[in-house]
Amino acid sequence: MNLVIESQGTVRCLYGEAIALHCLGDVKIHRASQVEPDTKGQWWANLGPLDGPILGPFARRSEAIQAETQWLELNWLCPEICTQS
């Protein structure tokens, strides 16, 4: 789990249960995307809530979630840091 700590002390991350986020302070959770199947059973990751693209189609839900996570890390969580590695 990547945590980005901003200069004013705000911590941002993609939600996960690797650590108890409430231990860091008040937690505000916002939906960043939706991963849903279509009528043909193909999976799509809609990043519209962050003005992002719709990724897909994917044969498996896990592939859509992997693409969603990668896009969020590179474009929302830490674009200035994650693209350097």
C-alpha atoms as a PDB file:
ATOM      1  CA  MET A   1       0.000   0.000   0.000  1.00  0.00           C
ATOM      2  CA  ASN A   2       1.431   3.346  -1.047  1.00  0.00           C
ATOM      3  CA  LEU A   3       0.795   6.318   1.228  1.00  0.00           C
ATOM      4  CA  VAL A   4       1.382   9.861   0.007  1.00  0.00           C
ATOM      5  CA  ILE A   5       1.906  12.331   2.848  1.00  0.00           C
ATOM      6  CA  GLU A   6       1.381  15.889   1.691  1.00  0.00           C
ATOM      7  CA  SER A   7       3.216  18.863   3.185  1.00  0.00           C
ATOM      8  CA  GLN A   8       0.174  19.893   5.257  1.00  0.00           C
ATOM      9  CA  GLY A   9      -0.019  16.398   6.790  1.00  0.00           C
ATOM     10  CA  THR A  10      -2.836  14.969   4.681  1.00  0.00           C
ATOM     11  CA  VAL A  11      -2.319  11.310   3.808  1.00  0.00           C
ATOM     12  CA  ARG A  12      -3.686   9.918   0.535  1.00  0.00           C
ATOM     13  CA  CYS A  13      -3.821   6.294  -0.583  1.00  0.00           C
ATOM     14  CA  LEU A  14      -5.817   3.760  -2.498  1.00  0.00           C
ATOM     15  CA  TYR A  15      -8.076   2.133   0.062  1.00  0.00           C
ATOM     16  CA  GLY A  16      -6.863  -1.168   1.381  1.00  0.00           C
ATOM     17  CA  GLU A  17      -6.839  -3.064   4.624  1.00  0.00           C
ATOM     18  CA  ALA A  18      -3.069  -3.534   4.927  1.00  0.00           C
ATOM     19  CA  ILE A  19      -3.023  -0.990   7.765  1.00  0.00           C
ATOM     20  CA  ALA A  20      -5.717   0.477   9.990  1.00  0.00           C
ATOM     21  CA  LEU A  21      -6.154   3.845   8.296  1.00  0.00           C
ATOM     22  CA  HIS A  22      -8.159   5.290  11.188  1.00  0.00           C
ATOM     23  CA  CYS A  23      -4.944   5.227  13.239  1.00  0.00           C
ATOM     24  CA  LEU A  24      -3.660   8.053  11.015  1.00  0.00           C
ATOM     25  CA  GLY A  25      -6.570  10.364  11.913  1.00  0.00           C
ATOM     26  CA  ASP A  26      -9.966  11.180  10.446  1.00  0.00           C
ATOM     27  CA  VAL A  27     -10.646   9.044   7.389  1.00  0.00           C
ATOM     28  CA  LYS A  28     -12.554  10.284   4.351  1.00  0.00           C
ATOM     29  CA  ILE A  29     -13.248   7.649   1.723  1.00  0.00           C
ATOM     30  CA  HIS A  30     -14.337   8.618  -1.788  1.00  0.00           C
ATOM     31  CA  ARG A  31     -15.156   6.370  -4.724  1.00  0.00           C
ATOM     32  CA  ALA A  32     -12.586   6.860  -7.464  1.00  0.00           C
ATOM     33  CA  SER A  33     -13.902   4.362  -9.969  1.00  0.00           C
ATOM     34  CA  GLN A  34     -16.245   1.494 -10.666  1.00  0.00           C
ATOM     35  CA  VAL A  35     -15.377  -1.963 -11.984  1.00  0.00           C
ATOM     36  CA  GLU A  36     -18.421  -3.592 -13.537  1.00  0.00           C
ATOM     37  CA  PRO A  37     -19.240  -6.286 -16.095  1.00  0.00           C
ATOM     38  CA  ASP A  38     -21.196  -5.611 -19.258  1.00  0.00           C
ATOM     39  CA  THR A  39     -23.963  -7.781 -20.714  1.00  0.00           C
ATOM     40  CA  LYS A  40     -21.355  -9.931 -22.508  1.00  0.00           C
ATOM     41  CA  GLY A  41     -19.440 -10.708 -19.296  1.00  0.00           C
ATOM     42  CA  GLN A  42     -16.518  -8.440 -20.109  1.00  0.00           C
ATOM     43  CA  TRP A  43     -15.164  -6.196 -17.361  1.00  0.00           C
ATOM     44  CA  TRP A  44     -14.664  -2.435 -17.498  1.00  0.00           C
ATOM     45  CA  ALA A  45     -12.975   0.002 -15.102  1.00  0.00           C
ATOM     46  CA  ASN A  46     -14.706   3.386 -15.220  1.00  0.00           C
ATOM     47  CA  LEU A  47     -12.485   6.117 -13.784  1.00  0.00           C
ATOM     48  CA  GLY A  48     -15.015   8.844 -14.569  1.00  0.00           C
ATOM     49  CA  PRO A  49     -15.331  10.009 -10.939  1.00  0.00           C
ATOM     50  CA  LEU A  50     -11.762  11.358 -11.307  1.00  0.00           C
ATOM     51  CA  ASP A  51     -12.318  12.556 -14.896  1.00  0.00           C
ATOM     52  CA  GLY A  52     -10.386   9.533 -16.086  1.00  0.00           C
ATOM     53  CA  PRO A  53     -10.965   7.068 -18.907  1.00  0.00           C
ATOM     54  CA  ILE A  54     -12.978   3.889 -19.162  1.00  0.00           C
ATOM     55  CA  LEU A  55     -10.516   0.986 -19.331  1.00  0.00           C
ATOM     56  CA  GLY A  56     -11.354  -2.312 -20.967  1.00  0.00           C
ATOM     57  CA  PRO A  57     -12.726  -4.619 -21.953  1.00  0.00           C
ATOM     58  CA  PHE A  58     -11.078  -7.270 -19.798  1.00  0.00           C
ATOM     59  CA  ALA A  59     -11.888 -10.969 -19.707  1.00  0.00           C
ATOM     60  CA  ARG A  60     -11.459 -11.125 -15.919  1.00  0.00           C
ATOM     61  CA  ARG A  61     -12.474  -8.833 -13.098  1.00  0.00           C
ATOM     62  CA  SER A  62      -8.984  -9.128 -11.606  1.00  0.00           C
ATOM     63  CA  GLU A  63      -7.494  -7.724 -14.825  1.00  0.00           C
ATOM     64  CA  ALA A  64      -9.842  -4.739 -14.695  1.00  0.00           C
ATOM     65  CA  ILE A  65      -8.947  -4.110 -11.044  1.00  0.00           C
ATOM     66  CA  GLN A  66      -5.239  -4.335 -11.842  1.00  0.00           C
ATOM     67  CA  ALA A  67      -5.621  -1.777 -14.659  1.00  0.00           C
ATOM     68  CA  GLU A  68      -7.744   0.438 -12.393  1.00  0.00           C
ATOM     69  CA  THR A  69      -5.123   0.329  -9.636  1.00  0.00           C
ATOM     70  CA  GLN A  70      -2.282   1.082 -12.034  1.00  0.00           C
ATOM     71  CA  TRP A  71      -4.129   4.058 -13.542  1.00  0.00           C
ATOM     72  CA  LEU A  72      -5.008   5.448 -10.101  1.00  0.00           C
ATOM     73  CA  GLU A  73      -1.428   5.133  -8.839  1.00  0.00           C
ATOM     74  CA  LEU A  74       0.088   6.757 -11.924  1.00  0.00           C
ATOM     75  CA  ASN A  75      -2.501   9.488 -12.484  1.00  0.00           C
ATOM     76  CA  TRP A  76      -4.043  10.310  -9.121  1.00  0.00           C
ATOM     77  CA  LEU A  77      -2.054   9.031  -6.175  1.00  0.00           C
ATOM     78  CA  CYS A  78       1.476   9.977  -7.070  1.00  0.00           C
ATOM     79  CA  PRO A  79       1.964  10.992 -10.698  1.00  0.00           C
ATOM     80  CA  GLU A  80       5.133  12.943  -9.931  1.00  0.00           C
ATOM     81  CA  ILE A  81       6.670  10.094  -7.894  1.00  0.00           C
ATOM     82  CA  CYS A  82       5.408   6.816  -9.363  1.00  0.00           C
ATOM     83  CA  THR A  83       6.399   7.669 -12.925  1.00  0.00           C
ATOM     84  CA  GLN A  84      10.063   8.073 -11.896  1.00  0.00           C
ATOM     85  CA  SER A  85      10.534   4.451 -10.804  1.00  0.00           C
END
